[in-house]
Amino acid sequence: MKMLARLTLAVVTCMAAATAFAQAFPARPVRIIVPFPAGGTTDILARQISAELAARWGQPVIVDNKGGASGTIGSEMLVQSARGH
């Protein structure tokens, strides 16, 4: 449940930050990294949110499940993508 609250907070923050960009946001497809296997509650919620975001933004929103090591694998992917690797 704690991860679900974090995911929801992250999505709401992204939606609020979108209004601050001077250029059209997003300019390319968006990827949501879910650090748990597909089929769980977090995955289902991420897919529902991604469908709504795709409709609002007019860009594809991709849910990328990277489960394993209690969320460490997905978290590492997120850190690497933020660094531009």
PDB file of N, CA and C in Angstrom:
ATOM      1  N   MET A   1       0.828  -1.192   0.000  1.00  0.00           N
ATOM      2  CA  MET A   1       0.000   0.000   0.000  1.00  0.00           C
ATOM      3  C   MET A   1       0.868   1.250   0.000  1.00  0.00           C
ATOM      4  N   LYS A   2       2.011   1.171   0.668  1.00  0.00           N
ATOM      5  CA  LYS A   2       2.905   2.319   0.733  1.00  0.00           C
ATOM      6  C   LYS A   2       3.413   2.686  -0.658  1.00  0.00           C
ATOM      7  N   MET A   3       3.729   1.661  -1.487  1.00  0.00           N
ATOM      8  CA  MET A   3       4.223   1.912  -2.839  1.00  0.00           C
ATOM      9  C   MET A   3       3.123   2.518  -3.697  1.00  0.00           C
ATOM     10  N   LEU A   4       1.899   2.091  -3.480  1.00  0.00           N
ATOM     11  CA  LEU A   4       0.759   2.623  -4.213  1.00  0.00           C
ATOM     12  C   LEU A   4       0.602   4.117  -3.946  1.00  0.00           C
ATOM     13  N   ALA A   5       0.777   4.512  -2.699  1.00  0.00           N
ATOM     14  CA  ALA A   5       0.690   5.931  -2.346  1.00  0.00           C
ATOM     15  C   ALA A   5       1.824   6.717  -2.987  1.00  0.00           C
ATOM     16  N   ARG A   6       3.014   6.137  -3.046  1.00  0.00           N
ATOM     17  CA  ARG A   6       4.152   6.813  -3.676  1.00  0.00           C
ATOM     18  C   ARG A   6       3.932   6.992  -5.165  1.00  0.00           C
ATOM     19  N   LEU A   7       3.413   5.941  -5.819  1.00  0.00           N
ATOM     20  CA  LEU A   7       3.154   6.011  -7.251  1.00  0.00           C
ATOM     21  C   LEU A   7       2.117   7.086  -7.554  1.00  0.00           C
ATOM     22  N   THR A   8       1.057   7.122  -6.765  1.00  0.00           N
ATOM     23  CA  THR A   8       0.021   8.124  -6.958  1.00  0.00           C
ATOM     24  C   THR A   8       0.586   9.524  -6.762  1.00  0.00           C
ATOM     25  N   LEU A   9       1.400   9.716  -5.743  1.00  0.00           N
ATOM     26  CA  LEU A   9       2.020  11.018  -5.492  1.00  0.00           C
ATOM     27  C   LEU A   9       2.926  11.425  -6.643  1.00  0.00           C
ATOM     28  N   ALA A  10       3.692  10.472  -7.177  1.00  0.00           N
ATOM     29  CA  ALA A  10       4.592  10.772  -8.287  1.00  0.00           C
ATOM     30  C   ALA A  10       3.818  11.197  -9.527  1.00  0.00           C
ATOM     31  N   VAL A  11       2.722  10.518  -9.815  1.00  0.00           N
ATOM     32  CA  VAL A  11       1.924  10.859 -10.987  1.00  0.00           C
ATOM     33  C   VAL A  11       1.272  12.226 -10.826  1.00  0.00           C
ATOM     34  N   VAL A  12       0.726  12.494  -9.660  1.00  0.00           N
ATOM     35  CA  VAL A  12       0.103  13.797  -9.412  1.00  0.00           C
ATOM     36  C   VAL A  12       1.135  14.916  -9.519  1.00  0.00           C
ATOM     37  N   THR A  13       2.331  14.671  -9.008  1.00  0.00           N
ATOM     38  CA  THR A  13       3.402  15.669  -9.110  1.00  0.00           C
ATOM     39  C   THR A  13       3.765  15.929 -10.562  1.00  0.00           C
ATOM     40  N   CYS A  14       3.863  14.873 -11.353  1.00  0.00           N
ATOM     41  CA  CYS A  14       4.163  15.042 -12.781  1.00  0.00           C
ATOM     42  C   CYS A  14       3.071  15.834 -13.486  1.00  0.00           C
ATOM     43  N   MET A  15       1.838  15.565 -13.147  1.00  0.00           N
ATOM     44  CA  MET A  15       0.733  16.285 -13.779  1.00  0.00           C
ATOM     45  C   MET A  15       0.770  17.764 -13.399  1.00  0.00           C
ATOM     46  N   ALA A  16       1.090  18.062 -12.153  1.00  0.00           N
ATOM     47  CA  ALA A  16       1.163  19.453 -11.716  1.00  0.00           C
ATOM     48  C   ALA A  16       2.355  20.161 -12.346  1.00  0.00           C
ATOM     49  N   ALA A  17       3.464  19.453 -12.492  1.00  0.00           N
ATOM     50  CA  ALA A  17       4.664  20.059 -13.073  1.00  0.00           C
ATOM     51  C   ALA A  17       4.502  20.309 -14.564  1.00  0.00           C
ATOM     52  N   ALA A  18       3.623  19.579 -15.212  1.00  0.00           N
ATOM     53  CA  ALA A  18       3.437  19.734 -16.656  1.00  0.00           C
ATOM     54  C   ALA A  18       2.987  21.140 -17.020  1.00  0.00           C
ATOM     55  N   THR A  19       2.276  21.798 -16.135  1.00  0.00           N
ATOM     56  CA  THR A  19       1.798  23.147 -16.432  1.00  0.00           C
ATOM     57  C   THR A  19       2.925  24.172 -16.361  1.00  0.00           C
ATOM     58  N   ALA A  20       4.056  23.830 -15.743  1.00  0.00           N
ATOM     59  CA  ALA A  20       5.161  24.769 -15.585  1.00  0.00           C
ATOM     60  C   ALA A  20       6.092  24.796 -16.796  1.00  0.00           C
ATOM     61  N   PHE A  21       5.993  23.839 -17.690  1.00  0.00           N
ATOM     62  CA  PHE A  21       6.878  23.786 -18.846  1.00  0.00           C
ATOM     63  C   PHE A  21       6.468  24.815 -19.893  1.00  0.00           C
ATOM     64  N   ALA A  22       7.459  25.497 -20.493  1.00  0.00           N
ATOM     65  CA  ALA A  22       7.178  26.466 -21.540  1.00  0.00           C
ATOM     66  C   ALA A  22       6.867  25.766 -22.858  1.00  0.00           C
ATOM     67  N   GLN A  23       7.509  24.626 -23.115  1.00  0.00           N
ATOM     68  CA  GLN A  23       7.232  23.872 -24.333  1.00  0.00           C
ATOM     69  C   GLN A  23       6.119  22.879 -24.071  1.00  0.00           C
ATOM     70  N   ALA A  24       5.603  22.330 -25.150  1.00  0.00           N
ATOM     71  CA  ALA A  24       4.538  21.334 -25.010  1.00  0.00           C
ATOM     72  C   ALA A  24       5.098  20.114 -24.278  1.00  0.00           C
ATOM     73  N   PHE A  25       4.378  19.655 -23.289  1.00  0.00           N
ATOM     74  CA  PHE A  25       4.813  18.496 -22.519  1.00  0.00           C
ATOM     75  C   PHE A  25       3.799  17.394 -22.679  1.00  0.00           C
ATOM     76  N   PRO A  26       4.163  16.240 -22.844  1.00  0.00           N
ATOM     77  CA  PRO A  26       5.491  15.720 -23.140  1.00  0.00           C
ATOM     78  C   PRO A  26       5.757  15.778 -24.644  1.00  0.00           C
ATOM     79  N   ALA A  27       6.988  15.950 -24.988  1.00  0.00           N
ATOM     80  CA  ALA A  27       7.376  16.041 -26.388  1.00  0.00           C
ATOM     81  C   ALA A  27       7.688  14.668 -26.977  1.00  0.00           C
ATOM     82  N   ARG A  28       7.726  13.639 -26.153  1.00  0.00           N
ATOM     83  CA  ARG A  28       8.006  12.274 -26.597  1.00  0.00           C
ATOM     84  C   ARG A  28       7.259  11.305 -25.674  1.00  0.00           C
ATOM     85  N   PRO A  29       7.215  10.022 -26.026  1.00  0.00           N
ATOM     86  CA  PRO A  29       6.506   9.058 -25.172  1.00  0.00           C
ATOM     87  C   PRO A  29       7.054   9.050 -23.740  1.00  0.00           C
ATOM     88  N   VAL A  30       6.147   8.809 -22.805  1.00  0.00           N
ATOM     89  CA  VAL A  30       6.486   8.790 -21.377  1.00  0.00           C
ATOM     90  C   VAL A  30       6.506   7.335 -20.910  1.00  0.00           C
ATOM     91  N   ARG A  31       7.472   7.008 -20.052  1.00  0.00           N
ATOM     92  CA  ARG A  31       7.577   5.648 -19.513  1.00  0.00           C
ATOM     93  C   ARG A  31       7.405   5.698 -18.009  1.00  0.00           C
ATOM     94  N   ILE A  32       6.480   4.888 -17.503  1.00  0.00           N
ATOM     95  CA  ILE A  32       6.282   4.733 -16.067  1.00  0.00           C
ATOM     96  C   ILE A  32       6.945   3.415 -15.676  1.00  0.00           C
ATOM     97  N   ILE A  33       7.938   3.481 -14.797  1.00  0.00           N
ATOM     98  CA  ILE A  33       8.618   2.284 -14.332  1.00  0.00           C
ATOM     99  C   ILE A  33       7.935   1.795 -13.057  1.00  0.00           C
ATOM    100  N   VAL A  34       7.414   0.584 -13.110  1.00  0.00           N
ATOM    101  CA  VAL A  34       6.783  -0.051 -11.953  1.00  0.00           C
ATOM    102  C   VAL A  34       7.758  -1.102 -11.438  1.00  0.00           C
ATOM    103  N   PRO A  35       8.286  -0.937 -10.227  1.00  0.00           N
ATOM    104  CA  PRO A  35       9.318  -1.862  -9.734  1.00  0.00           C
ATOM    105  C   PRO A  35       8.770  -3.179  -9.178  1.00  0.00           C
ATOM    106  N   PHE A  36       7.644  -3.624  -9.707  1.00  0.00           N
ATOM    107  CA  PHE A  36       7.031  -4.873  -9.275  1.00  0.00           C
ATOM    108  C   PHE A  36       6.548  -5.643 -10.491  1.00  0.00           C
ATOM    109  N   PRO A  37       6.339  -6.959 -10.370  1.00  0.00           N
ATOM    110  CA  PRO A  37       5.879  -7.761 -11.508  1.00  0.00           C
ATOM    111  C   PRO A  37       4.489  -7.337 -11.998  1.00  0.00           C
ATOM    112  N   ALA A  38       4.221  -7.642 -13.254  1.00  0.00           N
ATOM    113  CA  ALA A  38       2.915  -7.333 -13.845  1.00  0.00           C
ATOM    114  C   ALA A  38       1.815  -8.144 -13.169  1.00  0.00           C
ATOM    115  N   GLY A  39       0.628  -7.568 -13.129  1.00  0.00           N
ATOM    116  CA  GLY A  39      -0.536  -8.263 -12.596  1.00  0.00           C
ATOM    117  C   GLY A  39      -0.909  -7.894 -11.186  1.00  0.00           C
ATOM    118  N   GLY A  40      -0.033  -7.187 -10.483  1.00  0.00           N
ATOM    119  CA  GLY A  40      -0.328  -6.796  -9.110  1.00  0.00           C
ATOM    120  C   GLY A  40      -1.106  -5.488  -9.052  1.00  0.00           C
ATOM    121  N   THR A  41      -1.420  -5.066  -7.859  1.00  0.00           N
ATOM    122  CA  THR A  41      -2.183  -3.842  -7.659  1.00  0.00           C
ATOM    123  C   THR A  41      -1.458  -2.617  -8.209  1.00  0.00           C
ATOM    124  N   THR A  42      -0.161  -2.537  -8.001  1.00  0.00           N
ATOM    125  CA  THR A  42       0.608  -1.395  -8.486  1.00  0.00           C
ATOM    126  C   THR A  42       0.586  -1.343 -10.008  1.00  0.00           C
ATOM    127  N   ASP A  43       0.698  -2.493 -10.655  1.00  0.00           N
ATOM    128  CA  ASP A  43       0.657  -2.557 -12.116  1.00  0.00           C
ATOM    129  C   ASP A  43      -0.705  -2.126 -12.640  1.00  0.00           C
ATOM    130  N   ILE A  44      -1.755  -2.612 -12.040  1.00  0.00           N
ATOM    131  CA  ILE A  44      -3.113  -2.274 -12.481  1.00  0.00           C
ATOM    132  C   ILE A  44      -3.354  -0.777 -12.344  1.00  0.00           C
ATOM    133  N   LEU A  45      -2.957  -0.203 -11.226  1.00  0.00           N
ATOM    134  CA  LEU A  45      -3.129   1.238 -11.022  1.00  0.00           C
ATOM    135  C   LEU A  45      -2.304   2.036 -12.027  1.00  0.00           C
ATOM    136  N   ALA A  46      -1.068   1.616 -12.267  1.00  0.00           N
ATOM    137  CA  ALA A  46      -0.214   2.323 -13.222  1.00  0.00           C
ATOM    138  C   ALA A  46      -0.820   2.289 -14.621  1.00  0.00           C
ATOM    139  N   ARG A  47      -1.408   1.181 -15.009  1.00  0.00           N
ATOM    140  CA  ARG A  47      -2.024   1.076 -16.336  1.00  0.00           C
ATOM    141  C   ARG A  47      -3.266   1.944 -16.452  1.00  0.00           C
ATOM    142  N   GLN A  48      -4.048   2.044 -15.390  1.00  0.00           N
ATOM    143  CA  GLN A  48      -5.219   2.920 -15.415  1.00  0.00           C
ATOM    144  C   GLN A  48      -4.791   4.382 -15.520  1.00  0.00           C
ATOM    145  N   ILE A  49      -3.783   4.753 -14.757  1.00  0.00           N
ATOM    146  CA  ILE A  49      -3.282   6.123 -14.796  1.00  0.00           C
ATOM    147  C   ILE A  49      -2.653   6.425 -16.152  1.00  0.00           C
ATOM    148  N   SER A  50      -1.909   5.469 -16.703  1.00  0.00           N
ATOM    149  CA  SER A  50      -1.251   5.706 -17.996  1.00  0.00           C
ATOM    150  C   SER A  50      -2.270   5.920 -19.105  1.00  0.00           C
ATOM    151  N   ALA A  51      -3.386   5.216 -19.066  1.00  0.00           N
ATOM    152  CA  ALA A  51      -4.421   5.398 -20.086  1.00  0.00           C
ATOM    153  C   ALA A  51      -4.995   6.813 -20.018  1.00  0.00           C
ATOM    154  N   GLU A  52      -5.231   7.300 -18.816  1.00  0.00           N
ATOM    155  CA  GLU A  52      -5.764   8.660 -18.646  1.00  0.00           C
ATOM    156  C   GLU A  52      -4.742   9.716 -19.075  1.00  0.00           C
ATOM    157  N   LEU A  53      -3.487   9.517 -18.686  1.00  0.00           N
ATOM    158  CA  LEU A  53      -2.449  10.475 -19.074  1.00  0.00           C
ATOM    159  C   LEU A  53      -2.256  10.506 -20.589  1.00  0.00           C
ATOM    160  N   ALA A  54      -2.278   9.348 -21.226  1.00  0.00           N
ATOM    161  CA  ALA A  54      -2.126   9.288 -22.684  1.00  0.00           C
ATOM    162  C   ALA A  54      -3.252  10.042 -23.379  1.00  0.00           C
ATOM    163  N   ALA A  55      -4.457   9.907 -22.870  1.00  0.00           N
ATOM    164  CA  ALA A  55      -5.593  10.616 -23.459  1.00  0.00           C
ATOM    165  C   ALA A  55      -5.455  12.131 -23.280  1.00  0.00           C
ATOM    166  N   ARG A  56      -5.010  12.556 -22.120  1.00  0.00           N
ATOM    167  CA  ARG A  56      -4.876  14.000 -21.849  1.00  0.00           C
ATOM    168  C   ARG A  56      -3.696  14.629 -22.578  1.00  0.00           C
ATOM    169  N   TRP A  57      -2.576  13.914 -22.619  1.00  0.00           N
ATOM    170  CA  TRP A  57      -1.358  14.473 -23.188  1.00  0.00           C
ATOM    171  C   TRP A  57      -1.236  14.258 -24.689  1.00  0.00           C
ATOM    172  N   GLY A  58      -1.959  13.298 -25.238  1.00  0.00           N
ATOM    173  CA  GLY A  58      -1.838  13.000 -26.654  1.00  0.00           C
ATOM    174  C   GLY A  58      -0.522  12.334 -27.009  1.00  0.00           C
ATOM    175  N   GLN A  59       0.102  11.706 -26.051  1.00  0.00           N
ATOM    176  CA  GLN A  59       1.370  10.983 -26.233  1.00  0.00           C
ATOM    177  C   GLN A  59       1.228   9.598 -25.605  1.00  0.00           C
ATOM    178  N   PRO A  60       1.935   8.625 -26.150  1.00  0.00           N
ATOM    179  CA  PRO A  60       1.900   7.292 -25.531  1.00  0.00           C
ATOM    180  C   PRO A  60       2.524   7.317 -24.133  1.00  0.00           C
ATOM    181  N   VAL A  61       1.903   6.610 -23.224  1.00  0.00           N
ATOM    182  CA  VAL A  61       2.444   6.433 -21.874  1.00  0.00           C
ATOM    183  C   VAL A  61       2.617   4.931 -21.681  1.00  0.00           C
ATOM    184  N   ILE A  62       3.862   4.504 -21.509  1.00  0.00           N
ATOM    185  CA  ILE A  62       4.208   3.086 -21.468  1.00  0.00           C
ATOM    186  C   ILE A  62       4.471   2.658 -20.033  1.00  0.00           C
ATOM    187  N   VAL A  63       3.838   1.569 -19.602  1.00  0.00           N
ATOM    188  CA  VAL A  63       4.086   1.003 -18.283  1.00  0.00           C
ATOM    189  C   VAL A  63       5.140  -0.081 -18.449  1.00  0.00           C
ATOM    190  N   ASP A  64       6.251   0.081 -17.746  1.00  0.00           N
ATOM    191  CA  ASP A  64       7.388  -0.835 -17.845  1.00  0.00           C
ATOM    192  C   ASP A  64       7.593  -1.505 -16.488  1.00  0.00           C
ATOM    193  N   ASN A  65       7.170  -2.782 -16.383  1.00  0.00           N
ATOM    194  CA  ASN A  65       7.314  -3.530 -15.133  1.00  0.00           C
ATOM    195  C   ASN A  65       8.713  -4.113 -15.034  1.00  0.00           C
ATOM    196  N   LYS A  66       9.428  -3.772 -13.980  1.00  0.00           N
ATOM    197  CA  LYS A  66      10.772  -4.289 -13.725  1.00  0.00           C
ATOM    198  C   LYS A  66      10.811  -4.829 -12.302  1.00  0.00           C
ATOM    199  N   GLY A  67      10.191  -5.969 -12.108  1.00  0.00           N
ATOM    200  CA  GLY A  67      10.131  -6.565 -10.784  1.00  0.00           C
ATOM    201  C   GLY A  67      11.400  -7.318 -10.430  1.00  0.00           C
ATOM    202  N   GLY A  68      11.599  -7.508  -9.157  1.00  0.00           N
ATOM    203  CA  GLY A  68      12.737  -8.279  -8.670  1.00  0.00           C
ATOM    204  C   GLY A  68      13.509  -7.545  -7.608  1.00  0.00           C
ATOM    205  N   ALA A  69      14.127  -8.294  -6.733  1.00  0.00           N
ATOM    206  CA  ALA A  69      14.964  -7.767  -5.649  1.00  0.00           C
ATOM    207  C   ALA A  69      14.213  -6.749  -4.793  1.00  0.00           C
ATOM    208  N   SER A  70      12.962  -7.041  -4.519  1.00  0.00           N
ATOM    209  CA  SER A  70      12.109  -6.187  -3.674  1.00  0.00           C
ATOM    210  C   SER A  70      12.034  -4.748  -4.161  1.00  0.00           C
ATOM    211  N   GLY A  71      12.000  -4.567  -5.480  1.00  0.00           N
ATOM    212  CA  GLY A  71      11.865  -3.230  -6.055  1.00  0.00           C
ATOM    213  C   GLY A  71      13.180  -2.567  -6.409  1.00  0.00           C
ATOM    214  N   THR A  72      14.289  -3.187  -6.090  1.00  0.00           N
ATOM    215  CA  THR A  72      15.597  -2.577  -6.331  1.00  0.00           C
ATOM    216  C   THR A  72      15.903  -2.442  -7.818  1.00  0.00           C
ATOM    217  N   ILE A  73      15.558  -3.435  -8.613  1.00  0.00           N
ATOM    218  CA  ILE A  73      15.856  -3.400 -10.047  1.00  0.00           C
ATOM    219  C   ILE A  73      15.137  -2.236 -10.715  1.00  0.00           C
ATOM    220  N   GLY A  74      13.859  -2.094 -10.453  1.00  0.00           N
ATOM    221  CA  GLY A  74      13.097  -0.973 -11.021  1.00  0.00           C
ATOM    222  C   GLY A  74      13.581   0.364 -10.520  1.00  0.00           C
ATOM    223  N   SER A  75      13.951   0.441  -9.249  1.00  0.00           N
ATOM    224  CA  SER A  75      14.456   1.692  -8.687  1.00  0.00           C
ATOM    225  C   SER A  75      15.785   2.084  -9.326  1.00  0.00           C
ATOM    226  N   GLU A  76      16.646   1.104  -9.581  1.00  0.00           N
ATOM    227  CA  GLU A  76      17.916   1.395 -10.245  1.00  0.00           C
ATOM    228  C   GLU A  76      17.696   1.886 -11.673  1.00  0.00           C
ATOM    229  N   MET A  77      16.715   1.297 -12.370  1.00  0.00           N
ATOM    230  CA  MET A  77      16.391   1.764 -13.730  1.00  0.00           C
ATOM    231  C   MET A  77      15.946   3.220 -13.696  1.00  0.00           C
ATOM    232  N   LEU A  78      15.145   3.569 -12.710  1.00  0.00           N
ATOM    233  CA  LEU A  78      14.669   4.932 -12.586  1.00  0.00           C
ATOM    234  C   LEU A  78      15.821   5.900 -12.368  1.00  0.00           C
ATOM    235  N   VAL A  79      16.750   5.553 -11.492  1.00  0.00           N
ATOM    236  CA  VAL A  79      17.903   6.414 -11.222  1.00  0.00           C
ATOM    237  C   VAL A  79      18.759   6.581 -12.472  1.00  0.00           C
ATOM    238  N   GLN A  80      18.982   5.485 -13.205  1.00  0.00           N
ATOM    239  CA  GLN A  80      19.788   5.560 -14.422  1.00  0.00           C
ATOM    240  C   GLN A  80      19.112   6.385 -15.499  1.00  0.00           C
ATOM    241  N   SER A  81      17.790   6.293 -15.609  1.00  0.00           N
ATOM    242  CA  SER A  81      17.093   7.066 -16.638  1.00  0.00           C
ATOM    243  C   SER A  81      17.100   8.546 -16.295  1.00  0.00           C
ATOM    244  N   ALA A  82      17.078   8.865 -15.011  1.00  0.00           N
ATOM    245  CA  ALA A  82      17.127  10.272 -14.602  1.00  0.00           C
ATOM    246  C   ALA A  82      18.483  10.892 -14.900  1.00  0.00           C
ATOM    247  N   ARG A  83      19.525  10.070 -14.905  1.00  0.00           N
ATOM    248  CA  ARG A  83      20.871  10.548 -15.202  1.00  0.00           C
ATOM    249  C   ARG A  83      21.135  10.626 -16.698  1.00  0.00           C
ATOM    250  N   GLY A  84      20.221  10.090 -17.488  1.00  0.00           N
ATOM    251  CA  GLY A  84      20.393  10.128 -18.927  1.00  0.00           C
ATOM    252  C   GLY A  84      21.154   8.964 -19.511  1.00  0.00           C
ATOM    253  N   HIS A  85      21.290   7.872 -18.779  1.00  0.00           N
ATOM    254  CA  HIS A  85      22.006   6.688 -19.275  1.00  0.00           C
ATOM    255  C   HIS A  85      21.111   5.809 -20.064  1.00  0.00           C
TER     256      HIS A  85
END
